[in-house]
Structure formats: C-alpha cells, structure tokens
Amino acid sequence: MAEPPLPDDCDARLRRLYDYWRSVHPPSGRLPGRQDVDPAALPDLLPWLWIVDVVRQPLRFRYRLVGTEQVRAMERDFTGRFLDEVHPRFLGSATYPQYVAAAEDAEIGYFRGPPAFHISKDYVAIERLILPLARDGRTVDMLLAITIYYSPDQQRPADTGG
C-alpha cells in the first residue's frame, strides 16, 4: 500500500488515525471493516471522528456517526442524514470526487483548505482524512474520517489542494 497523501506538517490526530487504521488491517492485506475498528483504542480522537455509510445504486453517503466536535462545527447533528440532503453543494463540490474515489476505489482522501460546506463562522479552514472500510475486505461500505477545524487565529496553511 502506498503511503497516504499526508504532508509532514499535517495535524498529528490525522496521522494517528491513519496509523491506527493501518494497524487494524486484516493479515490478508484486505481493507479493514467497521468490525476491526475499536473506538476505545482512540478515545481522545472520538470528538473529531465521523463515519459515513456508503449506499449504492445510486451512490450516496449517509452520516452514521458524528463526533461532538463535528456537531459543534456544523452547528447541528446530522447523524442518519444523507450528505447531499444536508449539504446542498456536496454533489457539485471539489470534495465529492474524493468520497467517490474512497468508495469505489478504496482510495485514501486527504484535504486541507477552506470548507466546502456550511460550518460555524468561527472556522475558516479544515484538515480532513477519509479512510475506506469494507466488512468483506473488498467492497467499501463505510468511510472512517476525521476533520479538524481551524479558526482565523490558528496558524495552518490555507490551502494545499485536494
């Protein structure tokens, strides 16, 4: 597996989640599934974590779990809701292809830059990591992710693409 597109200066919480995800890969080399992920192993990351169900035919994404920091930043708990319903610009955003690549090709997604969706005006940038999960080791059925939010006074590069 190739190294992720995580820059050296990424938030340590993203790297920690990635390292954990790598550590729970089944010995067969297949993708880990939700059954392999133990939230108790990452208690300090839980507020920033979120999990999305991958629904197929048509391909859609639904929030399954939304950490408390996510709820605070989005100013609402979207658990159980489809991303394209709660974020009207989702399907046309530069972010959408990253979700599709994670779901269809098991690609790891990294992004740093301005948020594509509504979040609290207290934040001007985000850093996000999306990791594919597959119960059967092959077909991605969930995305495990972490998003860190940055206020104007925090020193983070504004945009690295993605």
N, C-alpha and C. Protein backbone atom coordinates (compact mmCIF):
# COMPACT_ATOMS: atom_id res chain seq x y z
N MET A 1 0.84 -1.18 0.00
CA MET A 1 0.00 0.00 0.00
C MET A 1 0.88 1.24 0.00
N ALA A 2 0.58 2.16 -0.85
CA ALA A 2 1.36 3.39 -0.93
C ALA A 2 1.11 4.25 0.30
N GLU A 3 2.07 5.07 0.61
CA GLU A 3 1.91 5.98 1.74
C GLU A 3 0.78 6.97 1.42
N PRO A 4 0.10 7.43 2.45
CA PRO A 4 -1.02 8.35 2.21
C PRO A 4 -0.52 9.72 1.80
N PRO A 5 -1.41 10.48 1.22
CA PRO A 5 -1.03 11.84 0.84
C PRO A 5 -1.09 12.79 2.04
N LEU A 6 -0.46 12.40 3.14
CA LEU A 6 -0.43 13.24 4.33
C LEU A 6 0.87 14.04 4.35
N PRO A 7 0.78 15.35 4.37
CA PRO A 7 2.02 16.13 4.44
C PRO A 7 2.67 15.98 5.82
N ASP A 8 3.95 16.24 5.86
CA ASP A 8 4.69 16.12 7.12
C ASP A 8 4.10 16.99 8.22
N ASP A 9 3.53 18.13 7.83
CA ASP A 9 3.01 19.05 8.84
C ASP A 9 1.51 18.87 9.10
N CYS A 10 0.94 17.74 8.71
CA CYS A 10 -0.48 17.53 8.98
C CYS A 10 -0.71 17.43 10.49
N ASP A 11 -1.93 17.67 10.87
CA ASP A 11 -2.29 17.57 12.28
C ASP A 11 -1.99 16.15 12.76
N ALA A 12 -1.40 16.03 13.93
CA ALA A 12 -0.99 14.73 14.48
C ALA A 12 -2.18 13.79 14.66
N ARG A 13 -3.37 14.33 14.85
CA ARG A 13 -4.56 13.48 15.02
C ARG A 13 -4.89 12.73 13.74
N LEU A 14 -4.67 13.35 12.59
CA LEU A 14 -4.90 12.67 11.32
C LEU A 14 -3.91 11.52 11.16
N ARG A 15 -2.66 11.80 11.43
CA ARG A 15 -1.64 10.76 11.29
C ARG A 15 -1.92 9.60 12.25
N ARG A 16 -2.35 9.94 13.46
CA ARG A 16 -2.66 8.89 14.44
C ARG A 16 -3.80 8.00 13.96
N LEU A 17 -4.85 8.61 13.40
CA LEU A 17 -5.95 7.80 12.89
C LEU A 17 -5.47 6.93 11.73
N TYR A 18 -4.69 7.49 10.84
CA TYR A 18 -4.16 6.70 9.72
C TYR A 18 -3.33 5.53 10.23
N ASP A 19 -2.44 5.77 11.17
CA ASP A 19 -1.60 4.70 11.72
C ASP A 19 -2.44 3.62 12.37
N TYR A 20 -3.49 4.03 13.07
CA TYR A 20 -4.39 3.05 13.69
C TYR A 20 -5.09 2.23 12.62
N TRP A 21 -5.62 2.90 11.60
CA TRP A 21 -6.32 2.22 10.50
C TRP A 21 -5.40 1.18 9.86
N ARG A 22 -4.15 1.56 9.62
CA ARG A 22 -3.17 0.61 9.06
C ARG A 22 -2.95 -0.57 10.00
N SER A 23 -2.93 -0.32 11.31
CA SER A 23 -2.64 -1.37 12.29
C SER A 23 -3.77 -2.40 12.40
N VAL A 24 -4.99 -2.04 12.00
CA VAL A 24 -6.11 -2.99 12.12
C VAL A 24 -6.43 -3.69 10.80
N HIS A 25 -5.59 -3.52 9.79
CA HIS A 25 -5.79 -4.24 8.54
C HIS A 25 -5.71 -5.74 8.80
N PRO A 26 -6.62 -6.51 8.23
CA PRO A 26 -6.54 -7.96 8.36
C PRO A 26 -5.22 -8.48 7.76
N PRO A 27 -4.72 -9.60 8.26
CA PRO A 27 -3.46 -10.15 7.75
C PRO A 27 -3.49 -10.45 6.25
N SER A 28 -4.66 -10.64 5.70
CA SER A 28 -4.80 -10.96 4.28
C SER A 28 -4.43 -9.80 3.37
N GLY A 29 -4.26 -8.61 3.94
CA GLY A 29 -3.97 -7.44 3.13
C GLY A 29 -5.21 -6.73 2.63
N ARG A 30 -6.36 -7.26 2.97
CA ARG A 30 -7.61 -6.61 2.57
C ARG A 30 -7.88 -5.40 3.44
N LEU A 31 -8.90 -4.66 3.09
CA LEU A 31 -9.29 -3.49 3.88
C LEU A 31 -9.87 -3.90 5.22
N PRO A 32 -9.65 -3.08 6.24
CA PRO A 32 -10.35 -3.33 7.50
C PRO A 32 -11.81 -2.95 7.35
N GLY A 33 -12.64 -3.53 8.19
CA GLY A 33 -14.06 -3.19 8.23
C GLY A 33 -14.39 -2.53 9.55
N ARG A 34 -15.62 -2.09 9.69
CA ARG A 34 -16.04 -1.46 10.94
C ARG A 34 -15.82 -2.41 12.12
N GLN A 35 -15.94 -3.71 11.86
CA GLN A 35 -15.74 -4.70 12.92
C GLN A 35 -14.31 -4.72 13.44
N ASP A 36 -13.38 -4.19 12.69
CA ASP A 36 -11.97 -4.16 13.10
C ASP A 36 -11.61 -2.89 13.88
N VAL A 37 -12.48 -1.90 13.84
CA VAL A 37 -12.20 -0.61 14.47
C VAL A 37 -12.79 -0.59 15.88
N ASP A 38 -11.93 -0.34 16.87
CA ASP A 38 -12.35 -0.27 18.27
C ASP A 38 -12.26 1.17 18.75
N PRO A 39 -13.39 1.85 18.90
CA PRO A 39 -13.36 3.25 19.34
C PRO A 39 -12.61 3.44 20.66
N ALA A 40 -12.61 2.44 21.51
CA ALA A 40 -11.91 2.55 22.79
C ALA A 40 -10.40 2.71 22.61
N ALA A 41 -9.90 2.35 21.44
CA ALA A 41 -8.46 2.50 21.16
C ALA A 41 -8.10 3.95 20.83
N LEU A 42 -9.11 4.78 20.57
CA LEU A 42 -8.88 6.17 20.15
C LEU A 42 -9.75 7.16 20.93
N PRO A 43 -9.85 7.02 22.24
CA PRO A 43 -10.82 7.85 22.97
C PRO A 43 -10.60 9.35 22.81
N ASP A 44 -9.36 9.78 22.71
CA ASP A 44 -9.09 11.21 22.58
C ASP A 44 -9.40 11.75 21.19
N LEU A 45 -9.57 10.87 20.20
CA LEU A 45 -9.90 11.31 18.84
C LEU A 45 -11.40 11.32 18.57
N LEU A 46 -12.18 10.65 19.41
CA LEU A 46 -13.61 10.48 19.15
C LEU A 46 -14.36 11.78 18.84
N PRO A 47 -14.08 12.90 19.50
CA PRO A 47 -14.84 14.11 19.18
C PRO A 47 -14.69 14.57 17.72
N TRP A 48 -13.59 14.24 17.09
CA TRP A 48 -13.33 14.69 15.71
C TRP A 48 -13.66 13.63 14.66
N LEU A 49 -13.98 12.43 15.10
CA LEU A 49 -14.24 11.34 14.16
C LEU A 49 -15.67 11.38 13.64
N TRP A 50 -15.83 10.85 12.45
CA TRP A 50 -17.15 10.63 11.89
C TRP A 50 -17.09 9.42 10.96
N ILE A 51 -18.21 8.76 10.82
CA ILE A 51 -18.32 7.59 9.95
C ILE A 51 -19.50 7.82 9.01
N VAL A 52 -19.28 7.48 7.76
CA VAL A 52 -20.31 7.63 6.73
C VAL A 52 -20.61 6.26 6.13
N ASP A 53 -21.89 5.93 6.01
CA ASP A 53 -22.30 4.73 5.28
C ASP A 53 -22.22 5.00 3.79
N VAL A 54 -21.72 4.04 3.05
CA VAL A 54 -21.72 4.12 1.59
C VAL A 54 -22.95 3.35 1.11
N VAL A 55 -23.88 4.05 0.51
CA VAL A 55 -25.11 3.45 -0.02
C VAL A 55 -24.95 3.41 -1.53
N ARG A 56 -25.30 2.29 -2.12
CA ARG A 56 -25.09 2.13 -3.56
C ARG A 56 -26.42 2.04 -4.32
N GLN A 57 -26.34 2.36 -5.60
CA GLN A 57 -27.45 2.27 -6.56
C GLN A 57 -28.63 3.14 -6.17
N PRO A 58 -28.51 4.42 -6.21
CA PRO A 58 -27.35 5.20 -6.63
C PRO A 58 -26.37 5.41 -5.47
N LEU A 59 -25.16 5.76 -5.82
CA LEU A 59 -24.13 6.00 -4.83
C LEU A 59 -24.47 7.25 -4.02
N ARG A 60 -24.59 7.05 -2.70
CA ARG A 60 -24.87 8.16 -1.78
C ARG A 60 -24.11 7.90 -0.48
N PHE A 61 -24.02 8.94 0.32
CA PHE A 61 -23.27 8.87 1.57
C PHE A 61 -24.16 9.38 2.70
N ARG A 62 -24.23 8.59 3.80
CA ARG A 62 -25.09 8.93 4.93
C ARG A 62 -24.27 8.94 6.22
N TYR A 63 -24.42 10.02 6.99
CA TYR A 63 -23.73 10.10 8.28
C TYR A 63 -24.23 8.98 9.20
N ARG A 64 -23.32 8.17 9.69
CA ARG A 64 -23.66 7.11 10.65
C ARG A 64 -23.31 7.55 12.06
N LEU A 65 -22.16 8.17 12.20
CA LEU A 65 -21.67 8.63 13.50
C LEU A 65 -21.03 10.00 13.28
N VAL A 66 -21.35 10.92 14.18
CA VAL A 66 -20.81 12.27 14.07
C VAL A 66 -20.30 12.67 15.45
N GLY A 67 -18.98 12.87 15.56
CA GLY A 67 -18.37 13.25 16.83
C GLY A 67 -18.82 14.62 17.31
N THR A 68 -18.63 14.85 18.60
CA THR A 68 -19.11 16.10 19.21
C THR A 68 -18.47 17.35 18.62
N GLU A 69 -17.21 17.29 18.24
CA GLU A 69 -16.57 18.45 17.61
C GLU A 69 -17.14 18.69 16.22
N GLN A 70 -17.54 17.64 15.53
CA GLN A 70 -18.18 17.79 14.23
C GLN A 70 -19.54 18.48 14.38
N VAL A 71 -20.30 18.01 15.38
CA VAL A 71 -21.61 18.62 15.63
C VAL A 71 -21.45 20.10 15.97
N ARG A 72 -20.47 20.40 16.80
CA ARG A 72 -20.25 21.80 17.19
C ARG A 72 -19.88 22.66 15.99
N ALA A 73 -18.98 22.15 15.16
CA ALA A 73 -18.54 22.92 13.99
C ALA A 73 -19.65 23.09 12.96
N MET A 74 -20.47 22.04 12.76
CA MET A 74 -21.55 22.13 11.78
C MET A 74 -22.81 22.76 12.37
N GLU A 75 -22.78 22.98 13.69
CA GLU A 75 -23.89 23.59 14.41
C GLU A 75 -25.17 22.78 14.34
N ARG A 76 -25.00 21.46 14.12
CA ARG A 76 -26.15 20.57 14.06
C ARG A 76 -25.66 19.13 13.98
N ASP A 77 -26.43 18.21 14.53
CA ASP A 77 -26.10 16.79 14.45
C ASP A 77 -26.83 16.19 13.25
N PHE A 78 -26.06 15.75 12.25
CA PHE A 78 -26.64 15.22 11.02
C PHE A 78 -26.65 13.68 10.99
N THR A 79 -26.47 13.04 12.13
CA THR A 79 -26.49 11.58 12.18
C THR A 79 -27.75 11.04 11.51
N GLY A 80 -27.55 10.05 10.62
CA GLY A 80 -28.67 9.43 9.92
C GLY A 80 -29.11 10.13 8.65
N ARG A 81 -28.51 11.26 8.34
CA ARG A 81 -28.91 12.04 7.17
C ARG A 81 -27.91 11.88 6.03
N PHE A 82 -28.40 11.97 4.80
CA PHE A 82 -27.54 11.90 3.63
C PHE A 82 -26.80 13.23 3.45
N LEU A 83 -25.54 13.14 3.06
CA LEU A 83 -24.73 14.34 2.88
C LEU A 83 -25.31 15.25 1.82
N ASP A 84 -25.86 14.68 0.73
CA ASP A 84 -26.39 15.53 -0.34
C ASP A 84 -27.68 16.23 0.07
N GLU A 85 -28.33 15.78 1.14
CA GLU A 85 -29.52 16.47 1.64
C GLU A 85 -29.16 17.61 2.59
N VAL A 86 -28.15 17.39 3.42
CA VAL A 86 -27.83 18.41 4.43
C VAL A 86 -26.77 19.41 3.94
N HIS A 87 -26.05 19.04 2.90
CA HIS A 87 -25.05 19.94 2.30
C HIS A 87 -25.42 20.09 0.82
N PRO A 88 -26.27 21.05 0.48
CA PRO A 88 -26.78 21.17 -0.88
C PRO A 88 -25.71 21.26 -1.97
N ARG A 89 -24.53 21.75 -1.65
CA ARG A 89 -23.47 21.89 -2.65
C ARG A 89 -22.58 20.66 -2.72
N PHE A 90 -22.87 19.62 -1.97
CA PHE A 90 -21.99 18.45 -1.88
C PHE A 90 -21.71 17.81 -3.24
N LEU A 91 -22.73 17.51 -4.01
CA LEU A 91 -22.54 16.79 -5.27
C LEU A 91 -21.72 17.57 -6.29
N GLY A 92 -21.78 18.88 -6.25
CA GLY A 92 -21.03 19.70 -7.19
C GLY A 92 -19.71 20.22 -6.65
N SER A 93 -19.38 19.81 -5.45
CA SER A 93 -18.16 20.33 -4.82
C SER A 93 -16.92 19.58 -5.28
N ALA A 94 -15.77 20.19 -5.05
CA ALA A 94 -14.49 19.53 -5.33
C ALA A 94 -14.26 18.38 -4.36
N THR A 95 -15.00 18.34 -3.28
CA THR A 95 -14.90 17.28 -2.27
C THR A 95 -15.56 15.98 -2.73
N TYR A 96 -16.64 16.08 -3.45
CA TYR A 96 -17.41 14.90 -3.83
C TYR A 96 -16.58 13.82 -4.53
N PRO A 97 -15.73 14.15 -5.51
CA PRO A 97 -14.93 13.10 -6.15
C PRO A 97 -14.02 12.34 -5.18
N GLN A 98 -13.61 12.98 -4.10
CA GLN A 98 -12.79 12.29 -3.11
C GLN A 98 -13.60 11.21 -2.39
N TYR A 99 -14.85 11.49 -2.08
CA TYR A 99 -15.73 10.50 -1.46
C TYR A 99 -15.96 9.34 -2.43
N VAL A 100 -16.20 9.67 -3.69
CA VAL A 100 -16.43 8.63 -4.70
C VAL A 100 -15.19 7.75 -4.85
N ALA A 101 -14.01 8.34 -4.91
CA ALA A 101 -12.77 7.57 -5.04
C ALA A 101 -12.56 6.67 -3.82
N ALA A 102 -12.90 7.15 -2.65
CA ALA A 102 -12.78 6.33 -1.45
C ALA A 102 -13.75 5.15 -1.51
N ALA A 103 -14.97 5.40 -1.96
CA ALA A 103 -16.00 4.36 -2.01
C ALA A 103 -15.77 3.36 -3.14
N GLU A 104 -15.41 3.86 -4.31
CA GLU A 104 -15.29 2.99 -5.48
C GLU A 104 -13.92 2.35 -5.64
N ASP A 105 -12.86 3.07 -5.25
CA ASP A 105 -11.50 2.58 -5.49
C ASP A 105 -10.70 2.39 -4.21
N ALA A 106 -11.35 2.51 -3.06
CA ALA A 106 -10.70 2.37 -1.75
C ALA A 106 -9.51 3.32 -1.61
N GLU A 107 -9.62 4.50 -2.18
CA GLU A 107 -8.55 5.50 -2.07
C GLU A 107 -8.64 6.25 -0.76
N ILE A 108 -7.50 6.57 -0.21
CA ILE A 108 -7.42 7.40 0.98
C ILE A 108 -7.56 8.85 0.52
N GLY A 109 -8.38 9.61 1.23
CA GLY A 109 -8.59 11.01 0.86
C GLY A 109 -8.06 11.96 1.91
N TYR A 110 -7.26 12.92 1.46
CA TYR A 110 -6.76 13.97 2.36
C TYR A 110 -7.10 15.32 1.74
N PHE A 111 -7.48 16.27 2.60
CA PHE A 111 -7.76 17.62 2.15
C PHE A 111 -7.39 18.61 3.24
N ARG A 112 -6.81 19.72 2.83
CA ARG A 112 -6.59 20.86 3.71
C ARG A 112 -6.95 22.11 2.93
N GLY A 113 -7.79 22.93 3.51
CA GLY A 113 -8.18 24.16 2.84
C GLY A 113 -9.49 24.69 3.36
N PRO A 114 -10.12 25.57 2.58
CA PRO A 114 -11.40 26.15 3.02
C PRO A 114 -12.50 25.10 2.99
N PRO A 115 -13.42 25.18 3.92
CA PRO A 115 -14.51 24.20 3.96
C PRO A 115 -15.44 24.34 2.76
N ALA A 116 -15.93 23.19 2.28
CA ALA A 116 -16.85 23.19 1.14
C ALA A 116 -18.30 23.31 1.60
N PHE A 117 -18.57 23.04 2.87
CA PHE A 117 -19.95 23.03 3.38
C PHE A 117 -20.09 24.02 4.51
N HIS A 118 -21.33 24.24 4.88
CA HIS A 118 -21.62 25.15 5.98
C HIS A 118 -21.02 24.62 7.28
N ILE A 119 -20.21 25.45 7.89
CA ILE A 119 -19.76 25.20 9.25
C ILE A 119 -19.83 26.52 9.98
N SER A 120 -19.63 26.47 11.26
CA SER A 120 -19.65 27.68 12.07
C SER A 120 -18.72 28.74 11.49
N LYS A 121 -19.14 29.98 11.57
CA LYS A 121 -18.31 31.08 11.08
C LYS A 121 -17.03 31.24 11.88
N ASP A 122 -16.91 30.50 12.99
CA ASP A 122 -15.69 30.54 13.80
C ASP A 122 -14.52 29.85 13.11
N TYR A 123 -14.79 29.11 12.03
CA TYR A 123 -13.74 28.32 11.36
C TYR A 123 -13.58 28.76 9.91
N VAL A 124 -12.33 28.85 9.47
CA VAL A 124 -12.05 29.29 8.11
C VAL A 124 -11.32 28.23 7.29
N ALA A 125 -10.87 27.16 7.93
CA ALA A 125 -10.16 26.10 7.22
C ALA A 125 -10.38 24.78 7.93
N ILE A 126 -10.18 23.71 7.16
CA ILE A 126 -10.30 22.37 7.73
C ILE A 126 -9.11 21.53 7.26
N GLU A 127 -8.92 20.43 7.96
CA GLU A 127 -7.99 19.39 7.53
C GLU A 127 -8.74 18.08 7.75
N ARG A 128 -8.79 17.25 6.69
CA ARG A 128 -9.65 16.06 6.73
C ARG A 128 -8.92 14.84 6.16
N LEU A 129 -9.19 13.70 6.77
CA LEU A 129 -8.69 12.42 6.28
C LEU A 129 -9.86 11.47 6.18
N ILE A 130 -10.01 10.82 5.02
CA ILE A 130 -11.07 9.84 4.79
C ILE A 130 -10.41 8.49 4.51
N LEU A 131 -10.85 7.46 5.25
CA LEU A 131 -10.29 6.12 5.13
C LEU A 131 -11.40 5.11 4.82
N PRO A 132 -11.21 4.27 3.82
CA PRO A 132 -12.24 3.30 3.46
C PRO A 132 -12.29 2.12 4.43
N LEU A 133 -13.50 1.63 4.68
CA LEU A 133 -13.74 0.42 5.47
C LEU A 133 -14.59 -0.53 4.63
N ALA A 134 -14.33 -1.82 4.76
CA ALA A 134 -15.08 -2.82 3.99
C ALA A 134 -15.29 -4.06 4.84
N ARG A 135 -16.52 -4.33 5.19
CA ARG A 135 -16.83 -5.50 6.02
C ARG A 135 -16.26 -6.78 5.41
N ASP A 136 -16.36 -6.91 4.09
CA ASP A 136 -15.87 -8.12 3.43
C ASP A 136 -14.41 -8.00 2.99
N GLY A 137 -13.77 -6.87 3.31
CA GLY A 137 -12.38 -6.66 2.95
C GLY A 137 -12.16 -6.10 1.56
N ARG A 138 -13.22 -6.04 0.75
CA ARG A 138 -13.09 -5.59 -0.64
C ARG A 138 -14.03 -4.44 -1.00
N THR A 139 -15.30 -4.59 -0.73
CA THR A 139 -16.30 -3.61 -1.13
C THR A 139 -16.48 -2.58 -0.03
N VAL A 140 -16.11 -1.36 -0.31
CA VAL A 140 -16.18 -0.30 0.69
C VAL A 140 -17.65 -0.04 1.03
N ASP A 141 -17.96 -0.14 2.33
CA ASP A 141 -19.33 0.10 2.78
C ASP A 141 -19.42 1.23 3.81
N MET A 142 -18.27 1.70 4.28
CA MET A 142 -18.22 2.83 5.21
C MET A 142 -16.94 3.61 4.98
N LEU A 143 -16.99 4.87 5.38
CA LEU A 143 -15.80 5.71 5.38
C LEU A 143 -15.58 6.19 6.81
N LEU A 144 -14.38 5.97 7.30
CA LEU A 144 -13.96 6.45 8.61
C LEU A 144 -13.19 7.73 8.37
N ALA A 145 -13.54 8.79 9.08
CA ALA A 145 -12.92 10.07 8.79
C ALA A 145 -12.71 10.90 10.04
N ILE A 146 -11.84 11.88 9.88
CA ILE A 146 -11.57 12.85 10.92
C ILE A 146 -11.44 14.21 10.25
N THR A 147 -12.04 15.21 10.87
CA THR A 147 -11.90 16.58 10.39
C THR A 147 -11.49 17.45 11.56
N ILE A 148 -10.47 18.26 11.32
CA ILE A 148 -10.00 19.23 12.29
C ILE A 148 -10.36 20.61 11.74
N TYR A 149 -10.89 21.46 12.58
CA TYR A 149 -11.34 22.78 12.18
C TYR A 149 -10.38 23.85 12.71
N TYR A 150 -10.11 24.86 11.87
CA TYR A 150 -9.18 25.92 12.22
C TYR A 150 -9.87 27.28 12.20
N SER A 151 -9.67 28.02 13.27
CA SER A 151 -10.19 29.39 13.36
C SER A 151 -9.18 30.33 12.74
N PRO A 152 -9.56 31.57 12.48
CA PRO A 152 -8.65 32.51 11.83
C PRO A 152 -7.32 32.73 12.58
N ASP A 153 -7.31 32.57 13.88
CA ASP A 153 -6.08 32.83 14.65
C ASP A 153 -5.14 31.62 14.71
N GLN A 154 -5.56 30.48 14.21
CA GLN A 154 -4.68 29.31 14.21
C GLN A 154 -3.80 29.33 12.97
N GLN A 155 -2.57 28.98 13.13
CA GLN A 155 -1.59 29.04 12.03
C GLN A 155 -1.57 27.72 11.26
N ARG A 156 -2.33 27.64 10.19
CA ARG A 156 -2.32 26.49 9.30
C ARG A 156 -2.30 27.04 7.88
N PRO A 157 -1.61 26.37 6.97
CA PRO A 157 -1.68 26.80 5.56
C PRO A 157 -3.13 26.82 5.10
N ALA A 158 -3.46 27.81 4.32
CA ALA A 158 -4.85 28.00 3.90
C ALA A 158 -5.32 26.95 2.91
N ASP A 159 -4.43 26.44 2.04
CA ASP A 159 -4.91 25.53 1.01
C ASP A 159 -3.73 24.78 0.40
N THR A 160 -3.82 23.46 0.40
CA THR A 160 -2.81 22.64 -0.27
C THR A 160 -3.44 21.84 -1.38
N GLY A 161 -4.66 22.19 -1.75
CA GLY A 161 -5.35 21.43 -2.80
C GLY A 161 -6.03 20.22 -2.22
N GLY A 162 -6.54 19.39 -3.11
CA GLY A 162 -7.15 18.15 -2.64
C GLY A 162 -8.58 18.17 -2.94
